[in-house]
Amino acid sequence: LEQRILWYSGAQNALLFVRDGECQRIKGNKCSIGDPTGECSDGFHLHRIDLRTSDKVYLYSDGLIHQFGGASGRKKFSNAQLMNTVRAMSAQSARDIGARLGEQQREWQGAHAQTDDIVLIGFSIDQQQQAEKAA
């Protein structure tokens, strides 16, 4: 945390980070943990991100982006929709972004069944430092 270095390695899931109003996606490996195919026999790719104080980072399960919904009920929520939302709200707190994404997911899903678990974790260095000062 003091060096502001984030190391990331993902099994099928990506990491999003927002810097200066732009959202970037760092893809994980295509194979899963346990890798029965041997596709990742050389190991998982390790990404280094040198964070700035204002960067926001998001980890998420595929449940949100694979959720069916929308007008037809046949489209998935998608990485693009998730990225557009966090980019458009980048100046707001992680809590506000999480609340909006929850609303957006429920609107998108409508009356359709939830197809998978949905997990979204967001953080930023400046919010962490603010929390430490308040404690």
Protein backbone atom coordinates (compact mmCIF):
# COMPACT_ATOMS: atom_id res chain seq x y z
CA LEU A 1 0.00 0.00 0.00
CA GLU A 2 2.81 2.44 0.86
CA GLN A 3 4.53 1.80 -2.48
CA ARG A 4 1.19 1.94 -4.33
CA ILE A 5 1.94 -1.20 -6.30
CA LEU A 6 -0.84 -3.62 -7.13
CA TRP A 7 -0.02 -7.11 -8.35
CA TYR A 8 -2.86 -8.91 -10.11
CA SER A 9 -3.29 -12.37 -11.52
CA GLY A 10 -6.71 -13.61 -12.54
CA ALA A 11 -8.28 -16.95 -13.37
CA GLN A 12 -10.83 -16.10 -16.10
CA ASN A 13 -11.91 -12.86 -14.40
CA ALA A 14 -10.63 -9.39 -15.12
CA LEU A 15 -9.71 -6.39 -13.01
CA LEU A 16 -10.90 -2.89 -13.86
CA PHE A 17 -9.11 0.25 -12.89
CA VAL A 18 -10.14 3.82 -13.50
CA ARG A 19 -7.52 6.51 -13.92
CA ASP A 20 -8.20 10.10 -14.97
CA GLY A 21 -11.73 9.21 -16.05
CA GLU A 22 -10.64 6.31 -18.27
CA CYS A 23 -11.53 2.71 -17.45
CA GLN A 24 -9.07 -0.04 -18.33
CA ARG A 25 -9.59 -3.79 -18.13
CA ILE A 26 -6.76 -6.12 -17.20
CA LYS A 27 -7.74 -9.58 -18.42
CA GLY A 28 -7.01 -12.69 -16.40
CA ASN A 29 -5.86 -15.96 -17.88
CA LYS A 30 -8.48 -17.95 -19.80
CA CYS A 31 -7.93 -21.06 -17.68
CA SER A 32 -9.36 -21.70 -14.26
CA ILE A 33 -7.76 -22.45 -10.93
CA GLY A 34 -6.92 -26.15 -10.89
CA ASP A 35 -6.55 -25.95 -14.70
CA PRO A 36 -7.54 -29.49 -15.77
CA THR A 37 -6.47 -28.75 -19.38
CA GLY A 38 -2.84 -27.91 -18.58
CA GLU A 39 -3.30 -24.65 -20.49
CA CYS A 40 -1.67 -22.67 -17.67
CA SER A 41 1.13 -25.10 -16.93
CA ASP A 42 3.59 -22.19 -17.12
CA GLY A 43 1.61 -20.32 -14.45
CA PHE A 44 -0.73 -17.39 -14.49
CA HIS A 45 0.32 -14.05 -15.94
CA LEU A 46 1.19 -11.52 -13.24
CA HIS A 47 0.30 -7.87 -13.90
CA ARG A 48 1.92 -4.96 -12.09
CA ILE A 49 -0.03 -1.74 -11.76
CA ASP A 50 1.65 1.34 -10.32
CA LEU A 51 -1.31 3.02 -8.68
CA ARG A 52 -1.95 6.71 -8.28
CA THR A 53 -3.80 8.05 -5.27
CA SER A 54 -6.98 8.76 -7.24
CA ASP A 55 -7.14 5.40 -9.08
CA LYS A 56 -10.15 3.16 -8.40
CA VAL A 57 -9.84 -0.60 -8.68
CA TYR A 58 -12.63 -3.15 -9.14
CA LEU A 59 -12.62 -6.92 -8.89
CA TYR A 60 -15.76 -8.77 -9.91
CA SER A 61 -17.18 -12.20 -10.59
CA ASP A 62 -18.56 -13.08 -13.99
CA GLY A 63 -22.09 -13.23 -12.55
CA LEU A 64 -22.72 -9.54 -13.21
CA ILE A 65 -21.44 -9.39 -16.79
CA HIS A 66 -23.15 -12.68 -17.72
CA GLN A 67 -26.55 -11.74 -16.26
CA PHE A 68 -29.30 -11.92 -18.88
CA GLY A 69 -31.76 -9.05 -19.08
CA GLY A 70 -32.52 -5.88 -20.96
CA ALA A 71 -35.56 -5.31 -23.13
CA SER A 72 -35.44 -8.74 -24.77
CA GLY A 73 -34.09 -10.65 -21.77
CA ARG A 74 -31.58 -12.28 -24.12
CA LYS A 75 -28.59 -9.97 -23.78
CA LYS A 76 -25.85 -10.14 -21.18
CA PHE A 77 -24.99 -7.18 -18.95
CA SER A 78 -21.43 -7.20 -20.46
CA ASN A 79 -18.00 -5.87 -19.60
CA ALA A 80 -18.68 -2.82 -21.77
CA GLN A 81 -21.73 -1.81 -19.74
CA LEU A 82 -19.85 -2.31 -16.46
CA MET A 83 -16.87 -0.30 -17.72
CA ASN A 84 -19.09 2.52 -19.00
CA THR A 85 -20.82 2.80 -15.62
CA VAL A 86 -17.65 2.93 -13.51
CA ARG A 87 -16.02 5.35 -15.97
CA ALA A 88 -19.03 7.69 -16.00
CA MET A 89 -19.14 7.69 -12.19
CA SER A 90 -15.38 7.82 -11.61
CA ALA A 91 -15.55 11.04 -9.57
CA GLN A 92 -17.98 9.50 -7.08
CA SER A 93 -17.21 7.30 -4.09
CA ALA A 94 -16.90 3.53 -4.42
CA ARG A 95 -19.98 3.23 -2.18
CA ASP A 96 -22.07 5.39 -4.56
CA ILE A 97 -20.79 3.47 -7.58
CA GLY A 98 -21.65 0.17 -5.89
CA ALA A 99 -25.17 1.38 -5.08
CA ARG A 100 -25.71 2.56 -8.67
CA LEU A 101 -24.40 -0.70 -10.11
CA GLY A 102 -26.78 -2.62 -7.84
CA GLU A 103 -29.70 -0.54 -9.11
CA GLN A 104 -28.54 -0.92 -12.69
CA GLN A 105 -28.19 -4.71 -12.32
CA ARG A 106 -31.71 -5.04 -10.87
CA GLU A 107 -33.16 -2.87 -13.66
CA TRP A 108 -31.27 -4.91 -16.27
CA GLN A 109 -32.30 -8.26 -14.79
CA GLY A 110 -35.96 -7.28 -14.44
CA ALA A 111 -38.13 -10.34 -13.89
CA HIS A 112 -35.48 -12.74 -15.19
CA ALA A 113 -33.83 -15.20 -12.81
CA GLN A 114 -30.36 -14.40 -11.49
CA THR A 115 -28.04 -16.77 -13.37
CA ASP A 116 -24.94 -16.76 -11.12
CA ASP A 117 -23.36 -15.24 -8.04
CA ILE A 118 -22.65 -11.51 -8.27
CA VAL A 119 -19.62 -10.07 -6.49
CA LEU A 120 -18.11 -6.63 -6.97
CA ILE A 121 -15.33 -5.19 -4.81
CA GLY A 122 -14.04 -1.67 -5.32
CA PHE A 123 -11.35 0.36 -3.58
CA SER A 124 -9.08 3.33 -4.00
CA ILE A 125 -5.90 4.43 -2.25
CA ASP A 126 -7.30 7.84 -1.27
CA GLN A 127 -10.42 6.31 0.32
CA GLN A 128 -8.24 3.86 2.23
CA GLN A 129 -6.07 6.71 3.52
CA GLN A 130 -9.17 8.72 4.52
CA ALA A 131 -10.50 5.70 6.45
CA GLU A 132 -7.17 5.28 8.27
CA LYS A 133 -7.14 8.96 9.29
CA ALA A 134 -10.70 8.72 10.62
CA ALA A 135 -9.88 5.65 12.73
